[in-house]
Each structure stands twice: as structure tokens, then as C-alpha cells.
Amino acid sequence: SKMGTCNKDAADKKGDERKAFMKECLSAKADAKATQQTKMKTCNVDA
């Protein structure tokens, strides 16, 4: 699931930039996901 999400986020990147992004994205801890979920909840309330 993480790989799929990171792949979507890296769609516009190529070469070394993509490699670096994927490495960072795949090694990110669950905190980033929690932050995204929090952001989603806040934005939903505001919308």
C-alpha cells in the first residue's frame, strides 16, 4: 500500500530525483500517515 501511494506521489519525478523521493517516502514512519489523516479531517471540516 505504501509503495502504491509513493508511486502515485512520484509520478512527476524521474531519475535520481525519483529514487531519492521513493527512498524517503518508503522509509517514512507511520507519523507521516497520521499527519495526512489529520490534515484530511481538518480539511473535510473546513470544506
All heavy atoms as atom14 arrays in JSON, in Angstrom:
{
  "sequence": "SKMGTCNKDAADKKGDERKAFMKECLSAKADAKATQQTKMKTCNVDA",
  "atom14_mask": [
    [1, 1, 1, 1, 1, 1, 0, 0, 0, 0, 0, 0, 0, 0],
    [1, 1, 1, 1, 1, 1, 1, 1, 1, 0, 0, 0, 0, 0],
    [1, 1, 1, 1, 1, 1, 1, 1, 0, 0, 0, 0, 0, 0],
    [1, 1, 1, 1, 0, 0, 0, 0, 0, 0, 0, 0, 0, 0],
    [1, 1, 1, 1, 1, 1, 1, 0, 0, 0, 0, 0, 0, 0],
    [1, 1, 1, 1, 1, 1, 0, 0, 0, 0, 0, 0, 0, 0],
    [1, 1, 1, 1, 1, 1, 1, 1, 0, 0, 0, 0, 0, 0],
    [1, 1, 1, 1, 1, 1, 1, 1, 1, 0, 0, 0, 0, 0],
    [1, 1, 1, 1, 1, 1, 1, 1, 0, 0, 0, 0, 0, 0],
    [1, 1, 1, 1, 1, 0, 0, 0, 0, 0, 0, 0, 0, 0],
    [1, 1, 1, 1, 1, 0, 0, 0, 0, 0, 0, 0, 0, 0],
    [1, 1, 1, 1, 1, 1, 1, 1, 0, 0, 0, 0, 0, 0],
    [1, 1, 1, 1, 1, 1, 1, 1, 1, 0, 0, 0, 0, 0],
    [1, 1, 1, 1, 1, 1, 1, 1, 1, 0, 0, 0, 0, 0],
    [1, 1, 1, 1, 0, 0, 0, 0, 0, 0, 0, 0, 0, 0],
    [1, 1, 1, 1, 1, 1, 1, 1, 0, 0, 0, 0, 0, 0],
    [1, 1, 1, 1, 1, 1, 1, 1, 1, 0, 0, 0, 0, 0],
    [1, 1, 1, 1, 1, 1, 1, 1, 1, 1, 1, 0, 0, 0],
    [1, 1, 1, 1, 1, 1, 1, 1, 1, 0, 0, 0, 0, 0],
    [1, 1, 1, 1, 1, 0, 0, 0, 0, 0, 0, 0, 0, 0],
    [1, 1, 1, 1, 1, 1, 1, 1, 1, 1, 1, 0, 0, 0],
    [1, 1, 1, 1, 1, 1, 1, 1, 0, 0, 0, 0, 0, 0],
    [1, 1, 1, 1, 1, 1, 1, 1, 1, 0, 0, 0, 0, 0],
    [1, 1, 1, 1, 1, 1, 1, 1, 1, 0, 0, 0, 0, 0],
    [1, 1, 1, 1, 1, 1, 0, 0, 0, 0, 0, 0, 0, 0],
    [1, 1, 1, 1, 1, 1, 1, 1, 0, 0, 0, 0, 0, 0],
    [1, 1, 1, 1, 1, 1, 0, 0, 0, 0, 0, 0, 0, 0],
    [1, 1, 1, 1, 1, 0, 0, 0, 0, 0, 0, 0, 0, 0],
    [1, 1, 1, 1, 1, 1, 1, 1, 1, 0, 0, 0, 0, 0],
    [1, 1, 1, 1, 1, 0, 0, 0, 0, 0, 0, 0, 0, 0],
    [1, 1, 1, 1, 1, 1, 1, 1, 0, 0, 0, 0, 0, 0],
    [1, 1, 1, 1, 1, 0, 0, 0, 0, 0, 0, 0, 0, 0],
    [1, 1, 1, 1, 1, 1, 1, 1, 1, 0, 0, 0, 0, 0],
    [1, 1, 1, 1, 1, 0, 0, 0, 0, 0, 0, 0, 0, 0],
    [1, 1, 1, 1, 1, 1, 1, 0, 0, 0, 0, 0, 0, 0],
    [1, 1, 1, 1, 1, 1, 1, 1, 1, 0, 0, 0, 0, 0],
    [1, 1, 1, 1, 1, 1, 1, 1, 1, 0, 0, 0, 0, 0],
    [1, 1, 1, 1, 1, 1, 1, 0, 0, 0, 0, 0, 0, 0],
    [1, 1, 1, 1, 1, 1, 1, 1, 1, 0, 0, 0, 0, 0],
    [1, 1, 1, 1, 1, 1, 1, 1, 0, 0, 0, 0, 0, 0],
    [1, 1, 1, 1, 1, 1, 1, 1, 1, 0, 0, 0, 0, 0],
    [1, 1, 1, 1, 1, 1, 1, 0, 0, 0, 0, 0, 0, 0],
    [1, 1, 1, 1, 1, 1, 0, 0, 0, 0, 0, 0, 0, 0],
    [1, 1, 1, 1, 1, 1, 1, 1, 0, 0, 0, 0, 0, 0],
    [1, 1, 1, 1, 1, 1, 1, 0, 0, 0, 0, 0, 0, 0],
    [1, 1, 1, 1, 1, 1, 1, 1, 0, 0, 0, 0, 0, 0],
    [1, 1, 1, 1, 1, 0, 0, 0, 0, 0, 0, 0, 0, 0]
  ],
  "atom14_positions": [
    [[0.84, -1.2, 0.0], [0.0, 0.0, 0.0], [0.87, 1.25, 0.0], [0.6, 2.22, -0.71], [-0.91, 0.02, 1.23], [-1.79, -1.07, 1.2], [0.0, 0.0, 0.0], [0.0, 0.0, 0.0], [0.0, 0.0, 0.0], [0.0, 0.0, 0.0], [0.0, 0.0, 0.0], [0.0, 0.0, 0.0], [0.0, 0.0, 0.0], [0.0, 0.0, 0.0]],
    [[1.92, 1.21, 0.81], [2.84, 2.34, 0.89], [3.52, 2.56, -0.46], [3.66, 3.7, -0.92], [3.89, 2.04, 1.96], [4.65, 3.24, 2.44], [5.68, 2.79, 3.46], [5.59, 3.56, 4.74], [6.68, 3.25, 5.65], [0.0, 0.0, 0.0], [0.0, 0.0, 0.0], [0.0, 0.0, 0.0], [0.0, 0.0, 0.0], [0.0, 0.0, 0.0]],
    [[3.91, 1.47, -1.12], [4.55, 1.55, -2.43], [3.61, 2.19, -3.45], [4.03, 3.05, -4.23], [4.98, 0.16, -2.89], [5.71, 0.16, -4.19], [7.29, 0.97, -4.04], [8.33, -0.19, -4.85], [0.0, 0.0, 0.0], [0.0, 0.0, 0.0], [0.0, 0.0, 0.0], [0.0, 0.0, 0.0], [0.0, 0.0, 0.0], [0.0, 0.0, 0.0]],
    [[2.35, 1.79, -3.42], [1.37, 2.36, -4.34], [1.2, 3.85, -4.12], [1.17, 4.64, -5.07], [0.0, 0.0, 0.0], [0.0, 0.0, 0.0], [0.0, 0.0, 0.0], [0.0, 0.0, 0.0], [0.0, 0.0, 0.0], [0.0, 0.0, 0.0], [0.0, 0.0, 0.0], [0.0, 0.0, 0.0], [0.0, 0.0, 0.0], [0.0, 0.0, 0.0]],
    [[1.09, 4.25, -2.86], [0.93, 5.67, -2.53], [2.16, 6.46, -2.95], [2.04, 7.54, -3.56], [0.69, 5.83, -1.02], [-0.46, 5.08, -0.65], [0.48, 7.28, -0.66], [0.0, 0.0, 0.0], [0.0, 0.0, 0.0], [0.0, 0.0, 0.0], [0.0, 0.0, 0.0], [0.0, 0.0, 0.0], [0.0, 0.0, 0.0], [0.0, 0.0, 0.0]],
    [[3.33, 5.95, -2.64], [4.57, 6.66, -3.01], [4.71, 6.75, -4.53], [5.16, 7.77, -5.04], [5.78, 5.96, -2.4], [5.86, 6.1, -0.6], [0.0, 0.0, 0.0], [0.0, 0.0, 0.0], [0.0, 0.0, 0.0], [0.0, 0.0, 0.0], [0.0, 0.0, 0.0], [0.0, 0.0, 0.0], [0.0, 0.0, 0.0], [0.0, 0.0, 0.0]],
    [[4.33, 5.7, -5.24], [4.4, 5.71, -6.7], [3.52, 6.81, -7.29], [3.91, 7.5, -8.22], [3.99, 4.36, -7.28], [5.15, 3.54, -7.72], [6.22, 4.06, -8.03], [4.96, 2.25, -7.75], [0.0, 0.0, 0.0], [0.0, 0.0, 0.0], [0.0, 0.0, 0.0], [0.0, 0.0, 0.0], [0.0, 0.0, 0.0], [0.0, 0.0, 0.0]],
    [[2.31, 6.95, -6.74], [1.41, 8.0, -7.23], [2.0, 9.37, -6.97], [1.94, 10.25, -7.82], [0.05, 7.89, -6.54], [-0.78, 6.73, -7.03], [-2.1, 6.66, -6.27], [-2.84, 5.38, -6.61], [-4.04, 5.22, -5.78], [0.0, 0.0, 0.0], [0.0, 0.0, 0.0], [0.0, 0.0, 0.0], [0.0, 0.0, 0.0], [0.0, 0.0, 0.0]],
    [[2.58, 9.55, -5.8], [3.16, 10.84, -5.44], [4.41, 11.16, -6.26], [4.75, 12.33, -6.44], [3.51, 10.88, -3.95], [2.27, 10.82, -3.07], [1.16, 11.04, -3.57], [2.44, 10.55, -1.87], [0.0, 0.0, 0.0], [0.0, 0.0, 0.0], [0.0, 0.0, 0.0], [0.0, 0.0, 0.0], [0.0, 0.0, 0.0], [0.0, 0.0, 0.0]],
    [[5.08, 10.13, -6.76], [6.33, 10.33, -7.51], [6.11, 10.33, -9.02], [7.07, 10.29, -9.78], [7.33, 9.24, -7.14], [0.0, 0.0, 0.0], [0.0, 0.0, 0.0], [0.0, 0.0, 0.0], [0.0, 0.0, 0.0], [0.0, 0.0, 0.0], [0.0, 0.0, 0.0], [0.0, 0.0, 0.0], [0.0, 0.0, 0.0], [0.0, 0.0, 0.0]],
    [[4.87, 10.42, -9.44], [4.56, 10.32, -10.87], [5.27, 11.36, -11.73], [5.65, 11.09, -12.87], [3.05, 10.42, -11.08], [0.0, 0.0, 0.0], [0.0, 0.0, 0.0], [0.0, 0.0, 0.0], [0.0, 0.0, 0.0], [0.0, 0.0, 0.0], [0.0, 0.0, 0.0], [0.0, 0.0, 0.0], [0.0, 0.0, 0.0], [0.0, 0.0, 0.0]],
    [[5.49, 12.55, -11.21], [6.1, 13.62, -11.99], [7.63, 13.68, -11.87], [8.27, 14.51, -12.48], [5.52, 14.97, -11.59], [5.73, 15.28, -10.12], [5.89, 14.34, -9.32], [5.74, 16.48, -9.76], [0.0, 0.0, 0.0], [0.0, 0.0, 0.0], [0.0, 0.0, 0.0], [0.0, 0.0, 0.0], [0.0, 0.0, 0.0], [0.0, 0.0, 0.0]],
    [[8.2, 12.77, -11.11], [9.65, 12.78, -10.88], [10.34, 11.71, -11.74], [9.74, 10.71, -12.08], [9.95, 12.53, -9.4], [9.42, 13.63, -8.5], [9.49, 13.24, -7.04], [9.04, 14.29, -6.1], [7.85, 15.02, -6.41], [0.0, 0.0, 0.0], [0.0, 0.0, 0.0], [0.0, 0.0, 0.0], [0.0, 0.0, 0.0], [0.0, 0.0, 0.0]],
    [[11.61, 11.95, -12.06], [12.36, 10.99, -12.88], [13.78, 10.86, -12.36], [14.29, 11.75, -11.69], [12.39, 11.44, -14.34], [11.03, 11.42, -15.0], [11.12, 11.8, -16.45], [9.72, 11.74, -17.04], [9.71, 11.96, -18.45], [0.0, 0.0, 0.0], [0.0, 0.0, 0.0], [0.0, 0.0, 0.0], [0.0, 0.0, 0.0], [0.0, 0.0, 0.0]],
    [[14.41, 9.75, -12.71], [15.83, 9.54, -12.43], [16.18, 9.56, -10.95], [15.5, 8.96, -10.12], [0.0, 0.0, 0.0], [0.0, 0.0, 0.0], [0.0, 0.0, 0.0], [0.0, 0.0, 0.0], [0.0, 0.0, 0.0], [0.0, 0.0, 0.0], [0.0, 0.0, 0.0], [0.0, 0.0, 0.0], [0.0, 0.0, 0.0], [0.0, 0.0, 0.0]],
    [[17.27, 10.24, -10.64], [17.78, 10.3, -9.27], [16.81, 10.98, -8.32], [16.71, 10.62, -7.15], [19.13, 11.02, -9.22], [20.24, 10.19, -9.87], [20.08, 8.96, -9.97], [21.26, 10.79, -10.27], [0.0, 0.0, 0.0], [0.0, 0.0, 0.0], [0.0, 0.0, 0.0], [0.0, 0.0, 0.0], [0.0, 0.0, 0.0], [0.0, 0.0, 0.0]],
    [[16.09, 11.98, -8.84], [15.11, 12.67, -8.0], [14.03, 11.69, -7.55], [13.63, 11.67, -6.39], [14.47, 13.82, -8.79], [13.44, 14.59, -7.98], [12.68, 15.63, -8.81], [12.8, 15.64, -10.05], [11.97, 16.43, -8.19], [0.0, 0.0, 0.0], [0.0, 0.0, 0.0], [0.0, 0.0, 0.0], [0.0, 0.0, 0.0], [0.0, 0.0, 0.0]],
    [[13.58, 10.84, -8.48], [12.55, 9.84, -8.15], [13.09, 8.82, -7.15], [12.41, 8.45, -6.2], [12.06, 9.14, -9.41], [10.98, 8.11, -9.14], [10.54, 7.41, -10.42], [9.65, 6.32, -10.14], [8.34, 6.43, -9.98], [7.78, 7.62, -10.05], [7.6, 5.38, -9.72], [0.0, 0.0, 0.0], [0.0, 0.0, 0.0], [0.0, 0.0, 0.0]],
    [[14.32, 8.36, -7.39], [14.94, 7.39, -6.47], [15.01, 7.94, -5.05], [14.66, 7.27, -4.09], [16.37, 7.04, -6.92], [16.46, 5.95, -7.91], [17.94, 5.66, -8.15], [18.17, 4.62, -9.18], [19.59, 4.38, -9.42], [0.0, 0.0, 0.0], [0.0, 0.0, 0.0], [0.0, 0.0, 0.0], [0.0, 0.0, 0.0], [0.0, 0.0, 0.0]],
    [[15.47, 9.18, -4.94], [15.59, 9.81, -3.62], [14.22, 9.97, -2.98], [14.04, 9.69, -1.78], [16.28, 11.16, -3.74], [0.0, 0.0, 0.0], [0.0, 0.0, 0.0], [0.0, 0.0, 0.0], [0.0, 0.0, 0.0], [0.0, 0.0, 0.0], [0.0, 0.0, 0.0], [0.0, 0.0, 0.0], [0.0, 0.0, 0.0], [0.0, 0.0, 0.0]],
    [[13.24, 10.39, -3.76], [11.89, 10.58, -3.23], [11.31, 9.25, -2.75], [10.75, 9.16, -1.66], [10.97, 11.19, -4.29], [9.55, 11.28, -3.81], [9.14, 12.34, -3.02], [8.62, 10.3, -4.13], [7.84, 12.42, -2.55], [7.32, 10.36, -3.67], [6.93, 11.43, -2.88], [0.0, 0.0, 0.0], [0.0, 0.0, 0.0], [0.0, 0.0, 0.0]],
    [[11.45, 8.2, -3.56], [10.9, 6.89, -3.21], [11.57, 6.34, -1.94], [10.91, 5.78, -1.08], [11.06, 5.9, -4.36], [10.16, 6.19, -5.55], [8.41, 6.08, -5.18], [8.21, 4.3, -5.04], [0.0, 0.0, 0.0], [0.0, 0.0, 0.0], [0.0, 0.0, 0.0], [0.0, 0.0, 0.0], [0.0, 0.0, 0.0], [0.0, 0.0, 0.0]],
    [[12.88, 6.52, -1.84], [13.6, 6.05, -0.66], [13.07, 6.74, 0.59], [12.78, 6.1, 1.6], [15.1, 6.32, -0.81], [15.91, 5.81, 0.34], [17.4, 6.05, 0.12], [18.18, 5.55, 1.31], [19.61, 5.77, 1.16], [0.0, 0.0, 0.0], [0.0, 0.0, 0.0], [0.0, 0.0, 0.0], [0.0, 0.0, 0.0], [0.0, 0.0, 0.0]],
    [[12.92, 8.05, 0.51], [12.41, 8.83, 1.64], [10.96, 8.45, 1.97], [10.6, 8.24, 3.12], [12.5, 10.33, 1.32], [11.99, 11.22, 2.42], [12.89, 11.21, 3.64], [14.1, 10.97, 3.5], [12.38, 11.47, 4.75], [0.0, 0.0, 0.0], [0.0, 0.0, 0.0], [0.0, 0.0, 0.0], [0.0, 0.0, 0.0], [0.0, 0.0, 0.0]],
    [[10.15, 8.34, 0.93], [8.74, 8.04, 1.11], [8.54, 6.65, 1.73], [7.75, 6.48, 2.66], [8.02, 8.11, -0.23], [6.24, 7.85, -0.13], [0.0, 0.0, 0.0], [0.0, 0.0, 0.0], [0.0, 0.0, 0.0], [0.0, 0.0, 0.0], [0.0, 0.0, 0.0], [0.0, 0.0, 0.0], [0.0, 0.0, 0.0], [0.0, 0.0, 0.0]],
    [[9.25, 5.66, 1.22], [9.09, 4.29, 1.73], [9.67, 4.1, 3.12], [9.24, 3.21, 3.85], [9.71, 3.28, 0.75], [8.97, 3.16, -0.59], [9.77, 2.3, -1.53], [7.58, 2.62, -0.39], [0.0, 0.0, 0.0], [0.0, 0.0, 0.0], [0.0, 0.0, 0.0], [0.0, 0.0, 0.0], [0.0, 0.0, 0.0], [0.0, 0.0, 0.0]],
    [[10.64, 4.92, 3.49], [11.23, 4.78, 4.82], [10.51, 5.65, 5.85], [10.8, 5.56, 7.03], [12.71, 5.13, 4.79], [12.88, 6.49, 4.47], [0.0, 0.0, 0.0], [0.0, 0.0, 0.0], [0.0, 0.0, 0.0], [0.0, 0.0, 0.0], [0.0, 0.0, 0.0], [0.0, 0.0, 0.0], [0.0, 0.0, 0.0], [0.0, 0.0, 0.0]],
    [[9.57, 6.46, 5.39], [8.82, 7.33, 6.32], [8.02, 6.48, 7.3], [7.49, 5.43, 6.95], [7.9, 8.24, 5.53], [0.0, 0.0, 0.0], [0.0, 0.0, 0.0], [0.0, 0.0, 0.0], [0.0, 0.0, 0.0], [0.0, 0.0, 0.0], [0.0, 0.0, 0.0], [0.0, 0.0, 0.0], [0.0, 0.0, 0.0], [0.0, 0.0, 0.0]],
    [[7.94, 6.93, 8.5], [7.23, 6.22, 9.55], [5.72, 6.49, 9.48], [5.27, 7.3, 8.69], [7.75, 6.63, 10.93], [9.22, 6.39, 11.11], [9.52, 4.91, 11.16], [11.0, 4.69, 11.36], [11.53, 3.59, 10.67], [0.0, 0.0, 0.0], [0.0, 0.0, 0.0], [0.0, 0.0, 0.0], [0.0, 0.0, 0.0], [0.0, 0.0, 0.0]],
    [[4.97, 5.85, 10.31], [3.52, 6.0, 10.33], [3.09, 7.41, 10.71], [1.97, 7.81, 10.48], [2.92, 4.99, 11.3], [0.0, 0.0, 0.0], [0.0, 0.0, 0.0], [0.0, 0.0, 0.0], [0.0, 0.0, 0.0], [0.0, 0.0, 0.0], [0.0, 0.0, 0.0], [0.0, 0.0, 0.0], [0.0, 0.0, 0.0], [0.0, 0.0, 0.0]],
    [[3.99, 8.2, 11.32], [3.65, 9.56, 11.71], [3.22, 10.4, 10.52], [2.32, 11.22, 10.62], [4.84, 10.24, 12.39], [5.19, 9.58, 13.72], [4.32, 8.88, 14.29], [6.34, 9.76, 14.17], [0.0, 0.0, 0.0], [0.0, 0.0, 0.0], [0.0, 0.0, 0.0], [0.0, 0.0, 0.0], [0.0, 0.0, 0.0], [0.0, 0.0, 0.0]],
    [[3.86, 10.19, 9.39], [3.5, 10.94, 8.19], [2.08, 10.61, 7.78], [1.33, 11.48, 7.37], [4.47, 10.62, 7.06], [0.0, 0.0, 0.0], [0.0, 0.0, 0.0], [0.0, 0.0, 0.0], [0.0, 0.0, 0.0], [0.0, 0.0, 0.0], [0.0, 0.0, 0.0], [0.0, 0.0, 0.0], [0.0, 0.0, 0.0], [0.0, 0.0, 0.0]],
    [[1.72, 9.34, 7.9], [0.36, 8.93, 7.56], [-0.64, 9.56, 8.53], [-1.69, 10.04, 8.13], [0.25, 7.41, 7.59], [-1.09, 6.89, 7.12], [-1.11, 5.38, 7.07], [-2.44, 4.88, 6.57], [-2.51, 3.44, 6.53], [0.0, 0.0, 0.0], [0.0, 0.0, 0.0], [0.0, 0.0, 0.0], [0.0, 0.0, 0.0], [0.0, 0.0, 0.0]],
    [[-0.29, 9.58, 9.8], [-1.16, 10.18, 10.8], [-1.33, 11.66, 10.52], [-2.43, 12.21, 10.66], [-0.6, 9.94, 12.2], [0.0, 0.0, 0.0], [0.0, 0.0, 0.0], [0.0, 0.0, 0.0], [0.0, 0.0, 0.0], [0.0, 0.0, 0.0], [0.0, 0.0, 0.0], [0.0, 0.0, 0.0], [0.0, 0.0, 0.0], [0.0, 0.0, 0.0]],
    [[-0.27, 12.32, 10.11], [-0.33, 13.74, 9.78], [-1.27, 13.95, 8.6], [-2.08, 14.87, 8.61], [1.08, 14.27, 9.45], [1.92, 14.02, 10.56], [1.05, 15.74, 9.16], [0.0, 0.0, 0.0], [0.0, 0.0, 0.0], [0.0, 0.0, 0.0], [0.0, 0.0, 0.0], [0.0, 0.0, 0.0], [0.0, 0.0, 0.0], [0.0, 0.0, 0.0]],
    [[-1.16, 13.11, 7.59], [-2.02, 13.21, 6.41], [-3.48, 12.99, 6.8], [-4.36, 13.69, 6.32], [-1.58, 12.21, 5.34], [-2.36, 12.31, 4.04], [-2.13, 13.61, 3.29], [-1.16, 14.31, 3.52], [-3.02, 13.94, 2.4], [0.0, 0.0, 0.0], [0.0, 0.0, 0.0], [0.0, 0.0, 0.0], [0.0, 0.0, 0.0], [0.0, 0.0, 0.0]],
    [[-3.72, 12.02, 7.66], [-5.09, 11.76, 8.11], [-5.64, 12.94, 8.89], [-6.79, 13.33, 8.72], [-5.14, 10.49, 8.97], [-4.95, 9.22, 8.17], [-4.83, 8.0, 9.06], [-4.55, 8.11, 10.24], [-5.04, 6.84, 8.48], [0.0, 0.0, 0.0], [0.0, 0.0, 0.0], [0.0, 0.0, 0.0], [0.0, 0.0, 0.0], [0.0, 0.0, 0.0]],
    [[-4.82, 13.53, 9.72], [-5.23, 14.7, 10.5], [-5.55, 15.85, 9.55], [-6.55, 16.54, 9.72], [-4.11, 15.12, 11.47], [-3.8, 14.01, 12.3], [-4.52, 16.29, 12.32], [0.0, 0.0, 0.0], [0.0, 0.0, 0.0], [0.0, 0.0, 0.0], [0.0, 0.0, 0.0], [0.0, 0.0, 0.0], [0.0, 0.0, 0.0], [0.0, 0.0, 0.0]],
    [[-4.7, 16.03, 8.56], [-4.9, 17.09, 7.57], [-6.22, 16.88, 6.83], [-6.98, 17.81, 6.61], [-3.74, 17.04, 6.58], [-3.35, 18.4, 6.02], [-2.31, 18.26, 4.94], [-0.91, 18.27, 5.46], [0.09, 18.37, 4.37], [0.0, 0.0, 0.0], [0.0, 0.0, 0.0], [0.0, 0.0, 0.0], [0.0, 0.0, 0.0], [0.0, 0.0, 0.0]],
    [[-6.48, 15.62, 6.46], [-7.7, 15.28, 5.74], [-8.93, 15.59, 6.58], [-9.91, 16.17, 6.08], [-7.69, 13.8, 5.34], [-8.88, 13.39, 4.52], [-8.87, 14.2, 2.92], [-8.8, 12.79, 1.88], [0.0, 0.0, 0.0], [0.0, 0.0, 0.0], [0.0, 0.0, 0.0], [0.0, 0.0, 0.0], [0.0, 0.0, 0.0], [0.0, 0.0, 0.0]],
    [[-8.88, 15.23, 7.87], [-10.01, 15.51, 8.76], [-10.24, 17.01, 8.88], [-11.38, 17.48, 8.8], [-9.76, 14.91, 10.14], [-9.87, 13.41, 10.18], [-9.56, 12.87, 11.56], [-9.55, 11.36, 11.56], [-9.18, 10.81, 12.87], [0.0, 0.0, 0.0], [0.0, 0.0, 0.0], [0.0, 0.0, 0.0], [0.0, 0.0, 0.0], [0.0, 0.0, 0.0]],
    [[-9.18, 17.76, 9.07], [-9.3, 19.21, 9.22], [-9.86, 19.84, 7.95], [-10.77, 20.68, 8.01], [-7.92, 19.83, 9.54], [-7.4, 19.21, 10.7], [-8.03, 21.32, 9.75], [0.0, 0.0, 0.0], [0.0, 0.0, 0.0], [0.0, 0.0, 0.0], [0.0, 0.0, 0.0], [0.0, 0.0, 0.0], [0.0, 0.0, 0.0], [0.0, 0.0, 0.0]],
    [[-9.35, 19.43, 6.8], [-9.82, 19.98, 5.54], [-11.28, 19.61, 5.29], [-12.04, 20.44, 4.77], [-8.95, 19.49, 4.38], [-7.26, 20.14, 4.41], [0.0, 0.0, 0.0], [0.0, 0.0, 0.0], [0.0, 0.0, 0.0], [0.0, 0.0, 0.0], [0.0, 0.0, 0.0], [0.0, 0.0, 0.0], [0.0, 0.0, 0.0], [0.0, 0.0, 0.0]],
    [[-11.67, 18.4, 5.66], [-13.07, 17.99, 5.49], [-14.0, 18.86, 6.32], [-15.07, 19.25, 5.86], [-13.26, 16.52, 5.89], [-13.14, 15.59, 4.71], [-13.46, 15.95, 3.59], [-12.67, 14.4, 4.97], [0.0, 0.0, 0.0], [0.0, 0.0, 0.0], [0.0, 0.0, 0.0], [0.0, 0.0, 0.0], [0.0, 0.0, 0.0], [0.0, 0.0, 0.0]],
    [[-13.59, 19.17, 7.54], [-14.4, 20.03, 8.4], [-14.51, 21.42, 7.77], [-15.6, 22.0, 7.71], [-13.81, 20.11, 9.83], [-14.49, 21.19, 10.65], [-13.92, 18.76, 10.52], [0.0, 0.0, 0.0], [0.0, 0.0, 0.0], [0.0, 0.0, 0.0], [0.0, 0.0, 0.0], [0.0, 0.0, 0.0], [0.0, 0.0, 0.0], [0.0, 0.0, 0.0]],
    [[-13.4, 21.95, 7.29], [-13.39, 23.28, 6.69], [-14.19, 23.34, 5.38], [-14.7, 24.4, 5.01], [-11.96, 23.75, 6.43], [-11.17, 23.97, 7.72], [-11.8, 24.06, 8.79], [-9.93, 24.03, 7.64], [0.0, 0.0, 0.0], [0.0, 0.0, 0.0], [0.0, 0.0, 0.0], [0.0, 0.0, 0.0], [0.0, 0.0, 0.0], [0.0, 0.0, 0.0]],
    [[-14.28, 22.21, 4.68], [-14.97, 22.17, 3.39], [-16.47, 21.89, 3.53], [-17.16, 21.75, 2.52], [-14.33, 21.11, 2.5], [0.0, 0.0, 0.0], [0.0, 0.0, 0.0], [0.0, 0.0, 0.0], [0.0, 0.0, 0.0], [0.0, 0.0, 0.0], [0.0, 0.0, 0.0], [0.0, 0.0, 0.0], [0.0, 0.0, 0.0], [0.0, 0.0, 0.0]]
  ]
}
